[in-house]
Amino acid sequence: FSGVLSEEVLRALLELQERLTNTTAWAPVAGREVTLSDVCYAPLNPAEPGLGDCCVNSVTQYFQNNGTRLAMTATQTNGKETGTADWRDHLIYCVNSPLSFKDITALELSCMAEYGGP
């Protein structure tokens, strides 16, 4: 992986997304503050979406926008070779199988986004 796709870049992206997700704006016509959940596309909960229901397309969705999942590692044995599975292994798997509810690495993470879709 190059410097463009590193854990540090993914963490910075995750932090930026969290800041944007928590942004509010005054809507004069509505007479109130609005948030992302007021205007987002939430295909699995369109009636009353929470922030986690919003469809935000990002590479960090392969980790459900969760820094703890991004940092996970697990010992994995493949035949006679033992190594460590990490975010790279999960990302490669998910890019090839985005509809998977559990990857085939020792991490056993879902590829589904935080909102529940692919």
PDB file of N, CA and C in Angstrom:
ATOM      1  N   PHE A   1       0.842  -1.181   0.000  1.00  0.00           N
ATOM      2  CA  PHE A   1       0.000   0.000   0.000  1.00  0.00           C
ATOM      3  C   PHE A   1       0.883   1.240   0.000  1.00  0.00           C
ATOM      4  N   SER A   2       0.449   2.255  -0.718  1.00  0.00           N
ATOM      5  CA  SER A   2       1.222   3.491  -0.784  1.00  0.00           C
ATOM      6  C   SER A   2       0.833   4.426   0.354  1.00  0.00           C
ATOM      7  N   GLY A   3       1.488   5.571   0.415  1.00  0.00           N
ATOM      8  CA  GLY A   3       1.205   6.555   1.450  1.00  0.00           C
ATOM      9  C   GLY A   3      -0.201   7.122   1.380  1.00  0.00           C
ATOM     10  N   VAL A   4      -0.824   7.065   0.205  1.00  0.00           N
ATOM     11  CA  VAL A   4      -2.184   7.579   0.050  1.00  0.00           C
ATOM     12  C   VAL A   4      -3.172   6.693   0.793  1.00  0.00           C
ATOM     13  N   LEU A   5      -2.889   5.410   0.844  1.00  0.00           N
ATOM     14  CA  LEU A   5      -3.767   4.474   1.529  1.00  0.00           C
ATOM     15  C   LEU A   5      -2.985   3.837   2.678  1.00  0.00           C
ATOM     16  N   SER A   6      -2.868   4.594   3.756  1.00  0.00           N
ATOM     17  CA  SER A   6      -2.174   4.116   4.942  1.00  0.00           C
ATOM     18  C   SER A   6      -3.121   4.213   6.132  1.00  0.00           C
ATOM     19  N   GLU A   7      -2.763   3.575   7.210  1.00  0.00           N
ATOM     20  CA  GLU A   7      -3.615   3.640   8.396  1.00  0.00           C
ATOM     21  C   GLU A   7      -3.747   5.076   8.887  1.00  0.00           C
ATOM     22  N   GLU A   8      -2.664   5.852   8.793  1.00  0.00           N
ATOM     23  CA  GLU A   8      -2.709   7.245   9.237  1.00  0.00           C
ATOM     24  C   GLU A   8      -3.699   8.061   8.403  1.00  0.00           C
ATOM     25  N   VAL A   9      -3.703   7.833   7.089  1.00  0.00           N
ATOM     26  CA  VAL A   9      -4.636   8.542   6.212  1.00  0.00           C
ATOM     27  C   VAL A   9      -6.073   8.117   6.508  1.00  0.00           C
ATOM     28  N   LEU A  10      -6.287   6.823   6.717  1.00  0.00           N
ATOM     29  CA  LEU A  10      -7.636   6.349   7.043  1.00  0.00           C
ATOM     30  C   LEU A  10      -8.114   6.923   8.374  1.00  0.00           C
ATOM     31  N   ARG A  11      -7.211   7.037   9.350  1.00  0.00           N
ATOM     32  CA  ARG A  11      -7.584   7.624  10.641  1.00  0.00           C
ATOM     33  C   ARG A  11      -7.921   9.107  10.484  1.00  0.00           C
ATOM     34  N   ALA A  12      -7.146   9.818   9.672  1.00  0.00           N
ATOM     35  CA  ALA A  12      -7.437  11.237   9.425  1.00  0.00           C
ATOM     36  C   ALA A  12      -8.782  11.391   8.715  1.00  0.00           C
ATOM     37  N   LEU A  13      -9.058  10.522   7.761  1.00  0.00           N
ATOM     38  CA  LEU A  13     -10.344  10.541   7.065  1.00  0.00           C
ATOM     39  C   LEU A  13     -11.487  10.256   8.036  1.00  0.00           C
ATOM     40  N   LEU A  14     -11.293   9.294   8.901  1.00  0.00           N
ATOM     41  CA  LEU A  14     -12.313   8.953   9.892  1.00  0.00           C
ATOM     42  C   LEU A  14     -12.584  10.139  10.818  1.00  0.00           C
ATOM     43  N   GLU A  15     -11.538  10.818  11.242  1.00  0.00           N
ATOM     44  CA  GLU A  15     -11.697  11.990  12.102  1.00  0.00           C
ATOM     45  C   GLU A  15     -12.437  13.109  11.369  1.00  0.00           C
ATOM     46  N   LEU A  16     -12.093  13.354  10.111  1.00  0.00           N
ATOM     47  CA  LEU A  16     -12.783  14.375   9.316  1.00  0.00           C
ATOM     48  C   LEU A  16     -14.257  14.030   9.145  1.00  0.00           C
ATOM     49  N   GLN A  17     -14.543  12.769   8.848  1.00  0.00           N
ATOM     50  CA  GLN A  17     -15.938  12.339   8.704  1.00  0.00           C
ATOM     51  C   GLN A  17     -16.716  12.537   9.991  1.00  0.00           C
ATOM     52  N   GLU A  18     -16.104  12.237  11.119  1.00  0.00           N
ATOM     53  CA  GLU A  18     -16.779  12.421  12.408  1.00  0.00           C
ATOM     54  C   GLU A  18     -17.088  13.891  12.645  1.00  0.00           C
ATOM     55  N   ARG A  19     -16.142  14.770  12.307  1.00  0.00           N
ATOM     56  CA  ARG A  19     -16.391  16.211  12.470  1.00  0.00           C
ATOM     57  C   ARG A  19     -17.517  16.669  11.545  1.00  0.00           C
ATOM     58  N   LEU A  20     -17.491  16.219  10.304  1.00  0.00           N
ATOM     59  CA  LEU A  20     -18.548  16.605   9.365  1.00  0.00           C
ATOM     60  C   LEU A  20     -19.897  16.035   9.773  1.00  0.00           C
ATOM     61  N   THR A  21     -19.908  14.821  10.282  1.00  0.00           N
ATOM     62  CA  THR A  21     -21.146  14.183  10.721  1.00  0.00           C
ATOM     63  C   THR A  21     -21.796  14.972  11.852  1.00  0.00           C
ATOM     64  N   ASN A  22     -20.987  15.574  12.698  1.00  0.00           N
ATOM     65  CA  ASN A  22     -21.513  16.311  13.846  1.00  0.00           C
ATOM     66  C   ASN A  22     -21.752  17.794  13.558  1.00  0.00           C
ATOM     67  N   THR A  23     -21.582  18.207  12.311  1.00  0.00           N
ATOM     68  CA  THR A  23     -21.810  19.599  11.931  1.00  0.00           C
ATOM     69  C   THR A  23     -23.300  19.904  11.911  1.00  0.00           C
ATOM     70  N   THR A  24     -23.643  21.089  12.352  1.00  0.00           N
ATOM     71  CA  THR A  24     -25.028  21.545  12.289  1.00  0.00           C
ATOM     72  C   THR A  24     -25.075  22.866  11.532  1.00  0.00           C
ATOM     73  N   ALA A  25     -26.239  23.209  11.056  1.00  0.00           N
ATOM     74  CA  ALA A  25     -26.429  24.489  10.364  1.00  0.00           C
ATOM     75  C   ALA A  25     -27.818  25.017  10.701  1.00  0.00           C
ATOM     76  N   TRP A  26     -27.919  26.327  10.789  1.00  0.00           N
ATOM     77  CA  TRP A  26     -29.211  26.946  11.060  1.00  0.00           C
ATOM     78  C   TRP A  26     -30.017  26.975   9.765  1.00  0.00           C
ATOM     79  N   ALA A  27     -31.246  26.481   9.829  1.00  0.00           N
ATOM     80  CA  ALA A  27     -32.158  26.491   8.682  1.00  0.00           C
ATOM     81  C   ALA A  27     -33.274  27.487   8.981  1.00  0.00           C
ATOM     82  N   PRO A  28     -33.198  28.687   8.413  1.00  0.00           N
ATOM     83  CA  PRO A  28     -34.191  29.716   8.735  1.00  0.00           C
ATOM     84  C   PRO A  28     -35.628  29.299   8.421  1.00  0.00           C
ATOM     85  N   VAL A  29     -35.851  28.610   7.322  1.00  0.00           N
ATOM     86  CA  VAL A  29     -37.205  28.198   6.954  1.00  0.00           C
ATOM     87  C   VAL A  29     -37.770  27.220   7.987  1.00  0.00           C
ATOM     88  N   ALA A  30     -36.931  26.289   8.441  1.00  0.00           N
ATOM     89  CA  ALA A  30     -37.363  25.319   9.443  1.00  0.00           C
ATOM     90  C   ALA A  30     -37.375  25.924  10.844  1.00  0.00           C
ATOM     91  N   GLY A  31     -36.601  27.007  11.019  1.00  0.00           N
ATOM     92  CA  GLY A  31     -36.522  27.646  12.323  1.00  0.00           C
ATOM     93  C   GLY A  31     -35.773  26.831  13.349  1.00  0.00           C
ATOM     94  N   ARG A  32     -34.803  26.046  12.890  1.00  0.00           N
ATOM     95  CA  ARG A  32     -34.051  25.193  13.819  1.00  0.00           C
ATOM     96  C   ARG A  32     -32.714  24.782  13.206  1.00  0.00           C
ATOM     97  N   GLU A  33     -31.893  24.226  14.053  1.00  0.00           N
ATOM     98  CA  GLU A  33     -30.636  23.651  13.597  1.00  0.00           C
ATOM     99  C   GLU A  33     -30.935  22.346  12.860  1.00  0.00           C
ATOM    100  N   VAL A  34     -30.237  22.099  11.762  1.00  0.00           N
ATOM    101  CA  VAL A  34     -30.377  20.829  11.057  1.00  0.00           C
ATOM    102  C   VAL A  34     -29.049  20.096  11.113  1.00  0.00           C
ATOM    103  N   THR A  35     -29.127  18.781  11.019  1.00  0.00           N
ATOM    104  CA  THR A  35     -27.943  17.928  11.058  1.00  0.00           C
ATOM    105  C   THR A  35     -27.921  17.056   9.814  1.00  0.00           C
ATOM    106  N   LEU A  36     -26.891  16.272   9.691  1.00  0.00           N
ATOM    107  CA  LEU A  36     -26.781  15.348   8.572  1.00  0.00           C
ATOM    108  C   LEU A  36     -27.987  14.420   8.502  1.00  0.00           C
ATOM    109  N   SER A  37     -28.461  13.944   9.623  1.00  0.00           N
ATOM    110  CA  SER A  37     -29.594  13.009   9.606  1.00  0.00           C
ATOM    111  C   SER A  37     -30.877  13.650   9.081  1.00  0.00           C
ATOM    112  N   ASP A  38     -30.948  14.985   9.069  1.00  0.00           N
ATOM    113  CA  ASP A  38     -32.112  15.668   8.500  1.00  0.00           C
ATOM    114  C   ASP A  38     -32.105  15.667   6.977  1.00  0.00           C
ATOM    115  N   VAL A  39     -30.934  15.528   6.388  1.00  0.00           N
ATOM    116  CA  VAL A  39     -30.828  15.663   4.931  1.00  0.00           C
ATOM    117  C   VAL A  39     -30.201  14.463   4.232  1.00  0.00           C
ATOM    118  N   CYS A  40     -29.794  13.465   4.985  1.00  0.00           N
ATOM    119  CA  CYS A  40     -29.053  12.350   4.383  1.00  0.00           C
ATOM    120  C   CYS A  40     -29.959  11.330   3.712  1.00  0.00           C
ATOM    121  N   TYR A  41     -29.347  10.519   2.878  1.00  0.00           N
ATOM    122  CA  TYR A  41     -30.003   9.364   2.276  1.00  0.00           C
ATOM    123  C   TYR A  41     -29.835   8.204   3.250  1.00  0.00           C
ATOM    124  N   ALA A  42     -30.935   7.704   3.777  1.00  0.00           N
ATOM    125  CA  ALA A  42     -30.909   6.610   4.752  1.00  0.00           C
ATOM    126  C   ALA A  42     -31.820   5.498   4.256  1.00  0.00           C
ATOM    127  N   PRO A  43     -31.324   4.646   3.355  1.00  0.00           N
ATOM    128  CA  PRO A  43     -32.188   3.664   2.701  1.00  0.00           C
ATOM    129  C   PRO A  43     -32.813   2.626   3.627  1.00  0.00           C
ATOM    130  N   LEU A  44     -32.183   2.321   4.750  1.00  0.00           N
ATOM    131  CA  LEU A  44     -32.719   1.286   5.633  1.00  0.00           C
ATOM    132  C   LEU A  44     -33.561   1.851   6.776  1.00  0.00           C
ATOM    133  N   ASN A  45     -33.575   3.169   6.915  1.00  0.00           N
ATOM    134  CA  ASN A  45     -34.404   3.816   7.937  1.00  0.00           C
ATOM    135  C   ASN A  45     -34.773   5.221   7.458  1.00  0.00           C
ATOM    136  N   PRO A  46     -35.540   5.329   6.388  1.00  0.00           N
ATOM    137  CA  PRO A  46     -35.826   6.651   5.821  1.00  0.00           C
ATOM    138  C   PRO A  46     -36.771   7.507   6.668  1.00  0.00           C
ATOM    139  N   ALA A  47     -37.583   6.904   7.508  1.00  0.00           N
ATOM    140  CA  ALA A  47     -38.579   7.665   8.269  1.00  0.00           C
ATOM    141  C   ALA A  47     -37.947   8.529   9.357  1.00  0.00           C
ATOM    142  N   GLU A  48     -37.087   7.951  10.164  1.00  0.00           N
ATOM    143  CA  GLU A  48     -36.454   8.690  11.255  1.00  0.00           C
ATOM    144  C   GLU A  48     -34.978   8.302  11.375  1.00  0.00           C
ATOM    145  N   PRO A  49     -34.166   8.722  10.419  1.00  0.00           N
ATOM    146  CA  PRO A  49     -32.763   8.292  10.439  1.00  0.00           C
ATOM    147  C   PRO A  49     -31.951   8.943  11.549  1.00  0.00           C
ATOM    148  N   GLY A  50     -31.088   8.144  12.143  1.00  0.00           N
ATOM    149  CA  GLY A  50     -30.064   8.658  13.042  1.00  0.00           C
ATOM    150  C   GLY A  50     -28.789   8.798  12.237  1.00  0.00           C
ATOM    151  N   LEU A  51     -27.748   9.342  12.818  1.00  0.00           N
ATOM    152  CA  LEU A  51     -26.502   9.542  12.073  1.00  0.00           C
ATOM    153  C   LEU A  51     -25.934   8.234  11.541  1.00  0.00           C
ATOM    154  N   GLY A  52     -26.073   7.143  12.293  1.00  0.00           N
ATOM    155  CA  GLY A  52     -25.564   5.850  11.854  1.00  0.00           C
ATOM    156  C   GLY A  52     -26.346   5.244  10.708  1.00  0.00           C
ATOM    157  N   ASP A  53     -27.522   5.807  10.412  1.00  0.00           N
ATOM    158  CA  ASP A  53     -28.356   5.301   9.313  1.00  0.00           C
ATOM    159  C   ASP A  53     -28.018   5.950   7.974  1.00  0.00           C
ATOM    160  N   CYS A  54     -27.259   7.030   8.000  1.00  0.00           N
ATOM    161  CA  CYS A  54     -26.955   7.780   6.778  1.00  0.00           C
ATOM    162  C   CYS A  54     -25.957   7.030   5.902  1.00  0.00           C
ATOM    163  N   CYS A  55     -26.256   6.960   4.638  1.00  0.00           N
ATOM    164  CA  CYS A  55     -25.380   6.307   3.668  1.00  0.00           C
ATOM    165  C   CYS A  55     -24.268   7.280   3.290  1.00  0.00           C
ATOM    166  N   VAL A  56     -23.103   7.068   3.849  1.00  0.00           N
ATOM    167  CA  VAL A  56     -21.934   7.883   3.544  1.00  0.00           C
ATOM    168  C   VAL A  56     -20.928   6.958   2.881  1.00  0.00           C
ATOM    169  N   ASN A  57     -20.678   7.176   1.599  1.00  0.00           N
ATOM    170  CA  ASN A  57     -19.767   6.296   0.866  1.00  0.00           C
ATOM    171  C   ASN A  57     -18.323   6.701   1.137  1.00  0.00           C
ATOM    172  N   SER A  58     -17.604   5.803   1.783  1.00  0.00           N
ATOM    173  CA  SER A  58     -16.223   6.053   2.148  1.00  0.00           C
ATOM    174  C   SER A  58     -15.532   4.722   2.391  1.00  0.00           C
ATOM    175  N   VAL A  59     -14.251   4.681   2.166  1.00  0.00           N
ATOM    176  CA  VAL A  59     -13.475   3.463   2.413  1.00  0.00           C
ATOM    177  C   VAL A  59     -13.550   3.063   3.884  1.00  0.00           C
ATOM    178  N   THR A  60     -13.749   4.017   4.775  1.00  0.00           N
ATOM    179  CA  THR A  60     -13.822   3.694   6.197  1.00  0.00           C
ATOM    180  C   THR A  60     -15.103   2.941   6.549  1.00  0.00           C
ATOM    181  N   GLN A  61     -16.068   2.908   5.642  1.00  0.00           N
ATOM    182  CA  GLN A  61     -17.290   2.131   5.889  1.00  0.00           C
ATOM    183  C   GLN A  61     -16.977   0.630   5.947  1.00  0.00           C
ATOM    184  N   TYR A  62     -15.903   0.195   5.315  1.00  0.00           N
ATOM    185  CA  TYR A  62     -15.524  -1.221   5.419  1.00  0.00           C
ATOM    186  C   TYR A  62     -15.173  -1.587   6.869  1.00  0.00           C
ATOM    187  N   PHE A  63     -14.975  -0.563   7.701  1.00  0.00           N
ATOM    188  CA  PHE A  63     -14.690  -0.751   9.124  1.00  0.00           C
ATOM    189  C   PHE A  63     -15.818  -0.170   9.974  1.00  0.00           C
ATOM    190  N   GLN A  64     -16.976   0.064   9.354  1.00  0.00           N
ATOM    191  CA  GLN A  64     -18.154   0.631   9.988  1.00  0.00           C
ATOM    192  C   GLN A  64     -17.831   1.969  10.670  1.00  0.00           C
ATOM    193  N   ASN A  65     -16.910   2.720  10.068  1.00  0.00           N
ATOM    194  CA  ASN A  65     -16.480   4.019  10.604  1.00  0.00           C
ATOM    195  C   ASN A  65     -16.030   3.906  12.055  1.00  0.00           C
ATOM    196  N   ASN A  66     -15.337   2.832  12.371  1.00  0.00           N
ATOM    197  CA  ASN A  66     -14.952   2.543  13.745  1.00  0.00           C
ATOM    198  C   ASN A  66     -13.430   2.401  13.826  1.00  0.00           C
ATOM    199  N   GLY A  67     -12.801   3.319  14.536  1.00  0.00           N
ATOM    200  CA  GLY A  67     -11.345   3.306  14.663  1.00  0.00           C
ATOM    201  C   GLY A  67     -10.810   2.071  15.358  1.00  0.00           C
ATOM    202  N   THR A  68     -11.576   1.500  16.269  1.00  0.00           N
ATOM    203  CA  THR A  68     -11.152   0.280  16.963  1.00  0.00           C
ATOM    204  C   THR A  68     -11.061  -0.876  15.984  1.00  0.00           C
ATOM    205  N   ARG A  69     -12.032  -0.981  15.094  1.00  0.00           N
ATOM    206  CA  ARG A  69     -11.999  -2.054  14.083  1.00  0.00           C
ATOM    207  C   ARG A  69     -10.849  -1.836  13.100  1.00  0.00           C
ATOM    208  N   LEU A  70     -10.577  -0.587  12.769  1.00  0.00           N
ATOM    209  CA  LEU A  70      -9.467  -0.274  11.875  1.00  0.00           C
ATOM    210  C   LEU A  70      -8.131  -0.706  12.490  1.00  0.00           C
ATOM    211  N   ALA A  71      -8.008  -0.598  13.793  1.00  0.00           N
ATOM    212  CA  ALA A  71      -6.754  -0.932  14.490  1.00  0.00           C
ATOM    213  C   ALA A  71      -6.603  -2.413  14.814  1.00  0.00           C
ATOM    214  N   MET A  72      -7.648  -3.204  14.609  1.00  0.00           N
ATOM    215  CA  MET A  72      -7.597  -4.615  15.000  1.00  0.00           C
ATOM    216  C   MET A  72      -6.520  -5.395  14.243  1.00  0.00           C
ATOM    217  N   THR A  73      -5.919  -6.350  14.947  1.00  0.00           N
ATOM    218  CA  THR A  73      -5.022  -7.322  14.340  1.00  0.00           C
ATOM    219  C   THR A  73      -5.379  -8.687  14.916  1.00  0.00           C
ATOM    220  N   ALA A  74      -5.028  -9.718  14.178  1.00  0.00           N
ATOM    221  CA  ALA A  74      -5.287 -11.078  14.646  1.00  0.00           C
ATOM    222  C   ALA A  74      -4.250 -12.010  14.044  1.00  0.00           C
ATOM    223  N   THR A  75      -3.832 -12.985  14.825  1.00  0.00           N
ATOM    224  CA  THR A  75      -2.913 -14.000  14.318  1.00  0.00           C
ATOM    225  C   THR A  75      -3.681 -14.929  13.396  1.00  0.00           C
ATOM    226  N   GLN A  76      -3.108 -15.158  12.222  1.00  0.00           N
ATOM    227  CA  GLN A  76      -3.773 -16.002  11.227  1.00  0.00           C
ATOM    228  C   GLN A  76      -2.797 -17.034  10.695  1.00  0.00           C
ATOM    229  N   THR A  77      -3.257 -18.262  10.630  1.00  0.00           N
ATOM    230  CA  THR A  77      -2.448 -19.342  10.077  1.00  0.00           C
ATOM    231  C   THR A  77      -3.069 -19.806   8.774  1.00  0.00           C
ATOM    232  N   ASN A  78      -2.243 -19.875   7.763  1.00  0.00           N
ATOM    233  CA  ASN A  78      -2.672 -20.336   6.448  1.00  0.00           C
ATOM    234  C   ASN A  78      -1.726 -21.466   6.046  1.00  0.00           C
ATOM    235  N   GLY A  79      -2.187 -22.685   6.214  1.00  0.00           N
ATOM    236  CA  GLY A  79      -1.301 -23.823   5.970  1.00  0.00           C
ATOM    237  C   GLY A  79      -0.239 -23.881   7.048  1.00  0.00           C
ATOM    238  N   LYS A  80       1.031 -23.817   6.633  1.00  0.00           N
ATOM    239  CA  LYS A  80       2.128 -23.849   7.596  1.00  0.00           C
ATOM    240  C   LYS A  80       2.630 -22.454   7.952  1.00  0.00           C
ATOM    241  N   GLU A  81       2.082 -21.430   7.293  1.00  0.00           N
ATOM    242  CA  GLU A  81       2.528 -20.060   7.541  1.00  0.00           C
ATOM    243  C   GLU A  81       1.614 -19.364   8.544  1.00  0.00           C
ATOM    244  N   THR A  82       2.240 -18.687   9.495  1.00  0.00           N
ATOM    245  CA  THR A  82       1.497 -17.898  10.475  1.00  0.00           C
ATOM    246  C   THR A  82       1.917 -16.447  10.328  1.00  0.00           C
ATOM    247  N   GLY A  83       0.934 -15.563  10.345  1.00  0.00           N
ATOM    248  CA  GLY A  83       1.203 -14.137  10.219  1.00  0.00           C
ATOM    249  C   GLY A  83       0.144 -13.343  10.957  1.00  0.00           C
ATOM    250  N   THR A  84       0.123 -12.065  10.689  1.00  0.00           N
ATOM    251  CA  THR A  84      -0.838 -11.170  11.334  1.00  0.00           C
ATOM    252  C   THR A  84      -1.761 -10.579  10.292  1.00  0.00           C
ATOM    253  N   ALA A  85      -3.055 -10.728  10.511  1.00  0.00           N
ATOM    254  CA  ALA A  85      -4.057 -10.099   9.656  1.00  0.00           C
ATOM    255  C   ALA A  85      -4.359  -8.721  10.231  1.00  0.00           C
ATOM    256  N   ASP A  86      -4.466  -7.724   9.352  1.00  0.00           N
ATOM    257  CA  ASP A  86      -4.784  -6.380   9.821  1.00  0.00           C
ATOM    258  C   ASP A  86      -5.719  -5.689   8.834  1.00  0.00           C
ATOM    259  N   TRP A  87      -5.816  -4.372   8.922  1.00  0.00           N
ATOM    260  CA  TRP A  87      -6.754  -3.602   8.108  1.00  0.00           C
ATOM    261  C   TRP A  87      -6.540  -3.817   6.614  1.00  0.00           C
ATOM    262  N   ARG A  88      -5.289  -4.031   6.200  1.00  0.00           N
ATOM    263  CA  ARG A  88      -5.004  -4.240   4.772  1.00  0.00           C
ATOM    264  C   ARG A  88      -5.683  -5.506   4.253  1.00  0.00           C
ATOM    265  N   ASP A  89      -5.578  -6.589   5.031  1.00  0.00           N
ATOM    266  CA  ASP A  89      -6.194  -7.857   4.638  1.00  0.00           C
ATOM    267  C   ASP A  89      -7.711  -7.722   4.555  1.00  0.00           C
ATOM    268  N   HIS A  90      -8.280  -7.024   5.536  1.00  0.00           N
ATOM    269  CA  HIS A  90      -9.736  -6.821   5.543  1.00  0.00           C
ATOM    270  C   HIS A  90     -10.154  -5.969   4.345  1.00  0.00           C
ATOM    271  N   LEU A  91      -9.425  -4.918   4.067  1.00  0.00           N
ATOM    272  CA  LEU A  91      -9.758  -4.032   2.948  1.00  0.00           C
ATOM    273  C   LEU A  91      -9.683  -4.766   1.614  1.00  0.00           C
ATOM    274  N   ILE A  92      -8.633  -5.544   1.402  1.00  0.00           N
ATOM    275  CA  ILE A  92      -8.500  -6.311   0.160  1.00  0.00           C
ATOM    276  C   ILE A  92      -9.668  -7.277   0.009  1.00  0.00           C
ATOM    277  N   TYR A  93     -10.022  -7.953   1.091  1.00  0.00           N
ATOM    278  CA  TYR A  93     -11.149  -8.882   1.030  1.00  0.00           C
ATOM    279  C   TYR A  93     -12.441  -8.142   0.671  1.00  0.00           C
ATOM    280  N   CYS A  94     -12.703  -7.033   1.339  1.00  0.00           N
ATOM    281  CA  CYS A  94     -13.956  -6.305   1.128  1.00  0.00           C
ATOM    282  C   CYS A  94     -14.064  -5.682  -0.258  1.00  0.00           C
ATOM    283  N   VAL A  95     -12.970  -5.232  -0.801  1.00  0.00           N
ATOM    284  CA  VAL A  95     -13.003  -4.682  -2.153  1.00  0.00           C
ATOM    285  C   VAL A  95     -13.441  -5.761  -3.143  1.00  0.00           C
ATOM    286  N   ASN A  96     -13.066  -6.987  -2.870  1.00  0.00           N
ATOM    287  CA  ASN A  96     -13.435  -8.104  -3.744  1.00  0.00           C
ATOM    288  C   ASN A  96     -14.779  -8.740  -3.391  1.00  0.00           C
ATOM    289  N   SER A  97     -15.231  -8.583  -2.151  1.00  0.00           N
ATOM    290  CA  SER A  97     -16.504  -9.169  -1.692  1.00  0.00           C
ATOM    291  C   SER A  97     -17.257  -8.166  -0.820  1.00  0.00           C
ATOM    292  N   PRO A  98     -17.719  -7.055  -1.389  1.00  0.00           N
ATOM    293  CA  PRO A  98     -18.309  -5.990  -0.573  1.00  0.00           C
ATOM    294  C   PRO A  98     -19.608  -6.358   0.133  1.00  0.00           C
ATOM    295  N   LEU A  99     -20.267  -7.437  -0.259  1.00  0.00           N
ATOM    296  CA  LEU A  99     -21.529  -7.822   0.376  1.00  0.00           C
ATOM    297  C   LEU A  99     -21.352  -8.823   1.507  1.00  0.00           C
ATOM    298  N   SER A 100     -20.119  -9.077   1.898  1.00  0.00           N
ATOM    299  CA  SER A 100     -19.839 -10.079   2.926  1.00  0.00           C
ATOM    300  C   SER A 100     -20.148  -9.557   4.330  1.00  0.00           C
ATOM    301  N   PHE A 101     -20.799 -10.415   5.115  1.00  0.00           N
ATOM    302  CA  PHE A 101     -21.063 -10.075   6.510  1.00  0.00           C
ATOM    303  C   PHE A 101     -19.921 -10.489   7.423  1.00  0.00           C
ATOM    304  N   LYS A 102     -18.969 -11.263   6.905  1.00  0.00           N
ATOM    305  CA  LYS A 102     -17.803 -11.661   7.693  1.00  0.00           C
ATOM    306  C   LYS A 102     -16.680 -12.025   6.732  1.00  0.00           C
ATOM    307  N   ASP A 103     -15.542 -11.342   6.862  1.00  0.00           N
ATOM    308  CA  ASP A 103     -14.438 -11.662   5.965  1.00  0.00           C
ATOM    309  C   ASP A 103     -13.818 -13.011   6.328  1.00  0.00           C
ATOM    310  N   ILE A 104     -12.940 -13.513   5.476  1.00  0.00           N
ATOM    311  CA  ILE A 104     -12.338 -14.823   5.715  1.00  0.00           C
ATOM    312  C   ILE A 104     -11.005 -14.719   6.445  1.00  0.00           C
ATOM    313  N   THR A 105     -10.655 -13.519   6.903  1.00  0.00           N
ATOM    314  CA  THR A 105      -9.443 -13.374   7.700  1.00  0.00           C
ATOM    315  C   THR A 105      -9.746 -13.743   9.146  1.00  0.00           C
ATOM    316  N   ALA A 106      -8.704 -13.814   9.940  1.00  0.00           N
ATOM    317  CA  ALA A 106      -8.880 -14.096  11.367  1.00  0.00           C
ATOM    318  C   ALA A 106      -9.585 -12.938  12.085  1.00  0.00           C
ATOM    319  N   LEU A 107      -9.691 -11.785  11.439  1.00  0.00           N
ATOM    320  CA  LEU A 107     -10.400 -10.647  12.036  1.00  0.00           C
ATOM    321  C   LEU A 107     -11.909 -10.895  12.086  1.00  0.00           C
ATOM    322  N   GLU A 108     -12.421 -11.591  11.070  1.00  0.00           N
ATOM    323  CA  GLU A 108     -13.848 -11.905  10.949  1.00  0.00           C
ATOM    324  C   GLU A 108     -14.735 -10.672  11.051  1.00  0.00           C
ATOM    325  N   LEU A 109     -14.324  -9.598  10.366  1.00  0.00           N
ATOM    326  CA  LEU A 109     -15.101  -8.359  10.357  1.00  0.00           C
ATOM    327  C   LEU A 109     -16.078  -8.339   9.191  1.00  0.00           C
ATOM    328  N   SER A 110     -17.139  -7.582   9.341  1.00  0.00           N
ATOM    329  CA  SER A 110     -18.113  -7.402   8.278  1.00  0.00           C
ATOM    330  C   SER A 110     -17.590  -6.376   7.268  1.00  0.00           C
ATOM    331  N   CYS A 111     -17.981  -6.544   6.031  1.00  0.00           N
ATOM    332  CA  CYS A 111     -17.666  -5.554   4.998  1.00  0.00           C
ATOM    333  C   CYS A 111     -18.812  -4.555   4.825  1.00  0.00           C
ATOM    334  N   MET A 112     -19.921  -4.803   5.477  1.00  0.00           N
ATOM    335  CA  MET A 112     -21.094  -3.943   5.343  1.00  0.00           C
ATOM    336  C   MET A 112     -20.849  -2.616   6.050  1.00  0.00           C
ATOM    337  N   ALA A 113     -21.440  -1.570   5.526  1.00  0.00           N
ATOM    338  CA  ALA A 113     -21.260  -0.228   6.071  1.00  0.00           C
ATOM    339  C   ALA A 113     -21.992  -0.065   7.401  1.00  0.00           C
ATOM    340  N   GLU A 114     -21.678   0.994   8.083  1.00  0.00           N
ATOM    341  CA  GLU A 114     -22.304   1.287   9.375  1.00  0.00           C
ATOM    342  C   GLU A 114     -23.825   1.322   9.281  1.00  0.00           C
ATOM    343  N   TYR A 115     -24.349   1.841   8.176  1.00  0.00           N
ATOM    344  CA  TYR A 115     -25.803   1.956   8.025  1.00  0.00           C
ATOM    345  C   TYR A 115     -26.469   0.629   7.668  1.00  0.00           C
ATOM    346  N   GLY A 116     -25.666  -0.414   7.399  1.00  0.00           N
ATOM    347  CA  GLY A 116     -26.201  -1.746   7.144  1.00  0.00           C
ATOM    348  C   GLY A 116     -26.173  -2.185   5.705  1.00  0.00           C
ATOM    349  N   GLY A 117     -25.840  -1.293   4.799  1.00  0.00           N
ATOM    350  CA  GLY A 117     -25.777  -1.645   3.379  1.00  0.00           C
ATOM    351  C   GLY A 117     -24.356  -1.863   2.918  1.00  0.00           C
ATOM    352  N   PRO A 118     -24.199  -2.189   1.634  1.00  0.00           N
ATOM    353  CA  PRO A 118     -22.844  -2.429   1.115  1.00  0.00           C
ATOM    354  C   PRO A 118     -22.056  -1.144   0.899  1.00  0.00           C
TER     355      PRO A 118
END
